[in-house]
C-alpha atoms as a PDB file:
ATOM      1  CA  MET A   1      97.670  77.753  99.526  1.00  0.00           C
ATOM      2  CA  ASN A   2     100.211  80.691  98.644  1.00  0.00           C
ATOM      3  CA  ILE A   3      98.475  83.270  97.492  1.00  0.00           C
ATOM      4  CA  ILE A   4     100.239  87.533  96.787  1.00  0.00           C
ATOM      5  CA  LEU A   5      97.882  90.298  97.364  1.00  0.00           C
ATOM      6  CA  LEU A   6      98.675  93.310  94.506  1.00  0.00           C
ATOM      7  CA  GLY A   7      96.757  96.770  94.797  1.00  0.00           C
ATOM      8  CA  PRO A   8      98.591  99.853  95.565  1.00  0.00           C
ATOM      9  CA  PRO A   9      98.609 101.449  99.155  1.00  0.00           C
ATOM     10  CA  GLY A  10      95.278 102.175 101.353  1.00  0.00           C
ATOM     11  CA  ALA A  11      93.825  99.461  98.885  1.00  0.00           C
ATOM     12  CA  GLY A  12      93.505  96.984 101.803  1.00  0.00           C
ATOM     13  CA  LYS A  13      95.784  94.305 101.691  1.00  0.00           C
ATOM     14  CA  GLY A  14      96.991  94.035 105.507  1.00  0.00           C
ATOM     15  CA  THR A  15      93.167  93.725 106.441  1.00  0.00           C
ATOM     16  CA  GLN A  16      92.318  91.361 103.636  1.00  0.00           C
ATOM     17  CA  ALA A  17      95.388  89.130 105.001  1.00  0.00           C
ATOM     18  CA  GLY A  18      94.276  89.745 108.579  1.00  0.00           C
ATOM     19  CA  ILE A  19      91.359  87.749 107.354  1.00  0.00           C
ATOM     20  CA  LEU A  20      92.805  84.803 105.889  1.00  0.00           C
ATOM     21  CA  VAL A  21      95.270  84.909 108.702  1.00  0.00           C
ATOM     22  CA  GLU A  22      92.323  83.968 111.456  1.00  0.00           C
ATOM     23  CA  GLU A  23      90.138  82.204 108.925  1.00  0.00           C
ATOM     24  CA  ARG A  24      92.894  79.819 107.143  1.00  0.00           C
ATOM     25  CA  GLY A  25      95.239  79.792 109.457  1.00  0.00           C
ATOM     26  CA  MET A  26      97.632  81.535 107.058  1.00  0.00           C
ATOM     27  CA  VAL A  27     100.527  82.921 107.521  1.00  0.00           C
ATOM     28  CA  GLN A  28     100.744  86.551 106.727  1.00  0.00           C
ATOM     29  CA  LEU A  29     104.290  88.099 104.809  1.00  0.00           C
ATOM     30  CA  SER A  30     105.060  90.864 105.747  1.00  0.00           C
ATOM     31  CA  THR A  31     108.414  92.360 103.937  1.00  0.00           C
ATOM     32  CA  GLY A  32     108.584  95.089 106.296  1.00  0.00           C
ATOM     33  CA  ASP A  33     107.460  92.699 109.882  1.00  0.00           C
ATOM     34  CA  MET A  34     109.428  90.414 108.479  1.00  0.00           C
ATOM     35  CA  LEU A  35     113.446  93.061 108.706  1.00  0.00           C
ATOM     36  CA  ARG A  36     112.101  93.874 111.807  1.00  0.00           C
ATOM     37  CA  GLU A  37     112.078  91.123 112.966  1.00  0.00           C
ATOM     38  CA  ALA A  38     114.845  89.537 111.608  1.00  0.00           C
ATOM     39  CA  LYS A  39     116.633  93.125 112.356  1.00  0.00           C
ATOM     40  CA  GLY A  40     116.804  92.435 116.449  1.00  0.00           C
ATOM     41  CA  SER A  41     116.993  87.721 115.743  1.00  0.00           C
ATOM     42  CA  GLY A  42     120.746  87.642 116.309  1.00  0.00           C
ATOM     43  CA  THR A  43     120.515  84.927 113.066  1.00  0.00           C
ATOM     44  CA  GLU A  44     123.178  85.332 110.514  1.00  0.00           C
ATOM     45  CA  MET A  45     120.620  86.234 108.042  1.00  0.00           C
ATOM     46  CA  GLY A  46     119.249  89.444 110.386  1.00  0.00           C
ATOM     47  CA  ASN A  47     123.164  89.872 111.410  1.00  0.00           C
ATOM     48  CA  ARG A  48     123.106  91.607 107.435  1.00  0.00           C
ATOM     49  CA  VAL A  49     119.860  92.717 107.442  1.00  0.00           C
ATOM     50  CA  ALA A  50     120.673  94.715 111.292  1.00  0.00           C
ATOM     51  CA  GLU A  51     123.825  96.198 108.598  1.00  0.00           C
ATOM     52  CA  VAL A  52     121.627  97.389 106.293  1.00  0.00           C
ATOM     53  CA  MET A  53     120.085  99.280 107.848  1.00  0.00           C
ATOM     54  CA  ALA A  54     122.344 100.745 109.870  1.00  0.00           C
ATOM     55  CA  ARG A  55     124.281 102.329 107.398  1.00  0.00           C
ATOM     56  CA  GLY A  56     120.607 103.200 106.047  1.00  0.00           C
ATOM     57  CA  GLU A  57     120.744 101.378 103.266  1.00  0.00           C
ATOM     58  CA  LEU A  58     118.437  99.842 101.552  1.00  0.00           C
ATOM     59  CA  VAL A  59     117.887  95.922 101.945  1.00  0.00           C
ATOM     60  CA  THR A  60     118.350  93.300  98.983  1.00  0.00           C
ATOM     61  CA  ASP A  61     116.221  92.137  96.771  1.00  0.00           C
ATOM     62  CA  GLU A  62     118.340  88.559  97.911  1.00  0.00           C
ATOM     63  CA  ILE A  63     117.950  88.912 101.821  1.00  0.00           C
ATOM     64  CA  VAL A  64     114.566  89.497 101.504  1.00  0.00           C
ATOM     65  CA  ILE A  65     114.376  86.105  99.522  1.00  0.00           C
ATOM     66  CA  GLY A  66     116.443  84.786 102.105  1.00  0.00           C
ATOM     67  CA  LEU A  67     114.934  85.781 105.026  1.00  0.00           C
ATOM     68  CA  ILE A  68     111.327  84.115 102.522  1.00  0.00           C
ATOM     69  CA  ARG A  69     113.358  81.038 101.803  1.00  0.00           C
ATOM     70  CA  GLU A  70     113.979  80.613 105.891  1.00  0.00           C
ATOM     71  CA  LYS A  71     110.169  81.747 106.590  1.00  0.00           C
ATOM     72  CA  LEU A  72     109.466  78.756 103.943  1.00  0.00           C
ATOM     73  CA  ALA A  73     111.636  75.819 105.453  1.00  0.00           C
ATOM     74  CA  THR A  74     110.837  76.898 109.183  1.00  0.00           C
ATOM     75  CA  VAL A  75     106.853  78.622 109.516  1.00  0.00           C
ATOM     76  CA  LYS A  76     104.043  75.506 108.805  1.00  0.00           C
ATOM     77  CA  ALA A  77     100.779  77.124 107.539  1.00  0.00           C
ATOM     78  CA  ALA A  78      98.178  76.379 105.956  1.00  0.00           C
ATOM     79  CA  GLY A  79      99.734  79.151 103.198  1.00  0.00           C
ATOM     80  CA  PHE A  80     101.425  82.027 102.604  1.00  0.00           C
ATOM     81  CA  ILE A  81     100.208  85.267 101.997  1.00  0.00           C
ATOM     82  CA  PHE A  82     102.751  87.985 100.814  1.00  0.00           C
ATOM     83  CA  ASP A  83     102.253  90.982 101.164  1.00  0.00           C
ATOM     84  CA  GLY A  84     104.305  94.204 100.018  1.00  0.00           C
ATOM     85  CA  PHE A  85     106.497  90.987  97.727  1.00  0.00           C
ATOM     86  CA  PRO A  86     107.248  90.886  94.411  1.00  0.00           C
ATOM     87  CA  ARG A  87     107.204  94.548  94.388  1.00  0.00           C
ATOM     88  CA  THR A  88     109.342  94.167  91.086  1.00  0.00           C
ATOM     89  CA  LEU A  89     109.547  92.014  87.826  1.00  0.00           C
ATOM     90  CA  ALA A  90     112.910  90.970  89.134  1.00  0.00           C
ATOM     91  CA  GLN A  91     111.475  90.094  92.897  1.00  0.00           C
ATOM     92  CA  ALA A  92     108.653  88.115  90.821  1.00  0.00           C
ATOM     93  CA  ASP A  93     110.924  86.023  88.960  1.00  0.00           C
ATOM     94  CA  ALA A  94     112.664  85.606  92.232  1.00  0.00           C
ATOM     95  CA  LEU A  95     109.491  84.489  94.455  1.00  0.00           C
ATOM     96  CA  GLY A  96     108.430  81.957  90.971  1.00  0.00           C
ATOM     97  CA  ASP A  97     112.044  80.351  91.618  1.00  0.00           C
ATOM     98  CA  LEU A  98     112.687  80.315  95.275  1.00  0.00           C
ATOM     99  CA  LEU A  99     109.077  78.601  95.620  1.00  0.00           C
ATOM    100  CA  ALA A 100     110.090  76.173  92.856  1.00  0.00           C
ATOM    101  CA  ASP A 101     113.202  75.379  94.697  1.00  0.00           C
ATOM    102  CA  GLU A 102     110.879  75.073  98.044  1.00  0.00           C
ATOM    103  CA  GLY A 103     108.657  71.844  95.641  1.00  0.00           C
ATOM    104  CA  GLN A 104     105.490  75.153  96.566  1.00  0.00           C
ATOM    105  CA  THR A 105     103.236  76.482  94.017  1.00  0.00           C
ATOM    106  CA  LEU A 106     101.644  80.366  93.738  1.00  0.00           C
ATOM    107  CA  ASP A 107      98.359  79.583  93.603  1.00  0.00           C
ATOM    108  CA  ALA A 108      96.127  83.429  93.444  1.00  0.00           C
ATOM    109  CA  VAL A 109      97.428  86.572  92.902  1.00  0.00           C
ATOM    110  CA  ILE A 110      94.655  88.428  93.730  1.00  0.00           C
ATOM    111  CA  GLU A 111      94.299  91.952  92.228  1.00  0.00           C
ATOM    112  CA  MET A 112      92.492  94.962  93.877  1.00  0.00           C
ATOM    113  CA  GLN A 113      91.504  97.776  92.131  1.00  0.00           C
ATOM    114  CA  VAL A 114      90.573 100.439  93.829  1.00  0.00           C
ATOM    115  CA  ASP A 115      89.844 104.042  93.147  1.00  0.00           C
ATOM    116  CA  ASP A 116      93.057 106.833  93.343  1.00  0.00           C
ATOM    117  CA  ASP A 117      90.639 109.425  94.711  1.00  0.00           C
ATOM    118  CA  VAL A 118      89.328 107.401  96.797  1.00  0.00           C
ATOM    119  CA  LEU A 119      91.943 105.823  98.278  1.00  0.00           C
ATOM    120  CA  VAL A 120      94.033 109.250  98.479  1.00  0.00           C
ATOM    121  CA  GLN A 121      90.458 109.813 100.477  1.00  0.00           C
ATOM    122  CA  ARG A 122      90.250 107.164 102.206  1.00  0.00           C
ATOM    123  CA  VAL A 123      94.588 107.615 103.519  1.00  0.00           C
ATOM    124  CA  VAL A 124      93.374 111.715 104.492  1.00  0.00           C
ATOM    125  CA  ASN A 125      89.690 109.631 106.161  1.00  0.00           C
ATOM    126  CA  ARG A 126      91.747 107.829 108.592  1.00  0.00           C
ATOM    127  CA  ALA A 127      94.196 110.574 109.640  1.00  0.00           C
ATOM    128  CA  THR A 128      90.988 112.383 110.879  1.00  0.00           C
ATOM    129  CA  GLU A 129      89.184 109.696 112.935  1.00  0.00           C
ATOM    130  CA  ALA A 130      92.855 109.498 114.401  1.00  0.00           C
ATOM    131  CA  ALA A 131      93.442 112.728 115.796  1.00  0.00           C
ATOM    132  CA  ALA A 132      89.731 113.196 116.953  1.00  0.00           C
ATOM    133  CA  ALA A 133      90.410 109.907 118.656  1.00  0.00           C
ATOM    134  CA  GLY A 134      93.767 110.996 120.375  1.00  0.00           C
ATOM    135  CA  GLN A 135      95.410 108.291 118.181  1.00  0.00           C
ATOM    136  CA  PRO A 136      98.785 108.942 116.471  1.00  0.00           C
ATOM    137  CA  VAL A 137      98.693 110.232 112.828  1.00  0.00           C
ATOM    138  CA  ARG A 138     101.728 108.259 110.252  1.00  0.00           C
ATOM    139  CA  ALA A 139     103.755 111.013 108.952  1.00  0.00           C
ATOM    140  CA  ASP A 140     102.919 109.872 105.671  1.00  0.00           C
ATOM    141  CA  ASP A 141      98.565 110.097 106.072  1.00  0.00           C
ATOM    142  CA  ASN A 142      98.195 112.699 103.749  1.00  0.00           C
ATOM    143  CA  ALA A 143      96.825 113.867 100.457  1.00  0.00           C
ATOM    144  CA  GLU A 144     100.660 114.797  98.724  1.00  0.00           C
ATOM    145  CA  SER A 145     101.945 112.170 100.394  1.00  0.00           C
ATOM    146  CA  MET A 146     100.211 109.575  99.304  1.00  0.00           C
ATOM    147  CA  LYS A 147      99.791 110.692  95.695  1.00  0.00           C
ATOM    148  CA  VAL A 148     103.607 110.388  96.063  1.00  0.00           C
ATOM    149  CA  ARG A 149     103.384 106.694  97.302  1.00  0.00           C
ATOM    150  CA  LEU A 150      99.983 106.198  94.437  1.00  0.00           C
ATOM    151  CA  MET A 151     103.058 106.945  91.689  1.00  0.00           C
ATOM    152  CA  GLU A 152     105.994 105.024  93.400  1.00  0.00           C
ATOM    153  CA  TYR A 153     103.545 102.107  93.483  1.00  0.00           C
ATOM    154  CA  TYR A 154     102.872 102.668  89.742  1.00  0.00           C
ATOM    155  CA  LYS A 155     105.791 103.247  88.937  1.00  0.00           C
ATOM    156  CA  LYS A 156     106.915 100.238  90.590  1.00  0.00           C
ATOM    157  CA  THR A 157     104.958  97.255  91.012  1.00  0.00           C
ATOM    158  CA  SER A 158     101.850  97.440  88.980  1.00  0.00           C
ATOM    159  CA  PRO A 159     103.472  95.761  85.499  1.00  0.00           C
ATOM    160  CA  LEU A 160     102.855  93.103  88.433  1.00  0.00           C
ATOM    161  CA  ILE A 161      99.673  92.924  86.934  1.00  0.00           C
ATOM    162  CA  GLY A 162     100.153  91.874  83.171  1.00  0.00           C
ATOM    163  CA  TYR A 163     103.006  89.546  84.364  1.00  0.00           C
ATOM    164  CA  TYR A 164     100.810  87.756  86.421  1.00  0.00           C
ATOM    165  CA  HIS A 165      98.094  87.947  83.692  1.00  0.00           C
ATOM    166  CA  ALA A 166     100.370  86.752  81.507  1.00  0.00           C
ATOM    167  CA  LYS A 167     101.195  83.230  83.119  1.00  0.00           C
ATOM    168  CA  GLY A 168      96.919  83.362  83.665  1.00  0.00           C
ATOM    169  CA  GLN A 169      97.749  83.943  87.498  1.00  0.00           C
ATOM    170  CA  LEU A 170      95.895  87.191  87.797  1.00  0.00           C
ATOM    171  CA  GLN A 171      92.162  87.661  89.506  1.00  0.00           C
ATOM    172  CA  SER A 172      90.801  91.189  90.245  1.00  0.00           C
ATOM    173  CA  ILE A 173      88.216  92.364  92.586  1.00  0.00           C
ATOM    174  CA  ASP A 174      86.735  95.197  93.258  1.00  0.00           C
ATOM    175  CA  GLY A 175      88.907  96.314  96.685  1.00  0.00           C
ATOM    176  CA  LEU A 176      86.098  98.955  96.926  1.00  0.00           C
ATOM    177  CA  GLY A 177      83.250  96.857  99.167  1.00  0.00           C
ATOM    178  CA  GLN A 178      82.163  96.861 102.716  1.00  0.00           C
ATOM    179  CA  ILE A 179      85.196  95.173 103.854  1.00  0.00           C
ATOM    180  CA  ASP A 180      83.177  91.423 103.845  1.00  0.00           C
ATOM    181  CA  GLU A 181      82.137  92.141 100.976  1.00  0.00           C
ATOM    182  CA  VAL A 182      86.261  91.920  99.554  1.00  0.00           C
ATOM    183  CA  ALA A 183      86.914  88.812 101.916  1.00  0.00           C
ATOM    184  CA  ALA A 184      84.167  88.102 100.608  1.00  0.00           C
ATOM    185  CA  ALA A 185      85.192  87.281  96.389  1.00  0.00           C
ATOM    186  CA  ILE A 186      88.631  86.960  97.927  1.00  0.00           C
ATOM    187  CA  LYS A 187      86.783  83.516  99.660  1.00  0.00           C
ATOM    188  CA  ALA A 188      85.449  82.835  95.786  1.00  0.00           C
ATOM    189  CA  ILE A 189      88.858  83.377  94.334  1.00  0.00           C
ATOM    190  CA  LEU A 190      90.385  80.535  97.288  1.00  0.00           C
ATOM    191  CA  GLY A 191      87.602  78.239  97.116  1.00  0.00           C
END
């Protein structure tokens, strides 16, 4: 089973992906994690990633798709959770083509619907709690940075909601419930 978790930053996609990994043996494909892993791998693709990142450039869709292709071919799992990819319509098309080439399907696209004001407050609270506990605080865990990240999400990624809806693959859930409530909603979709 292959799924995409869609939703703005801070919606809880990583938390829910972690639950699916634990309960179902799925593999979370986070583009950020894959890029960091590839950079130090010494493989041909890893060397390409390292060169691009060393120049301070953004990694191309072609490279990200190549990394995903490698994972699909080499990692045996009960399914994959795409986290942070696709982010654009072009990436969605490329992922669809890749899955078809590999004889796989996209089984569900789950949109975690959340209220922007609640998300901003969630991030501010997370930063406050981390600081109070003496833990490091992410530089972008503040209200202004979060608003910028949300705007970026709505400009580039939210068109995927319509894209997958038109394909009959989108299912939406309330992402603001308790962690176990959101997990139950996802479980109900996945069966």
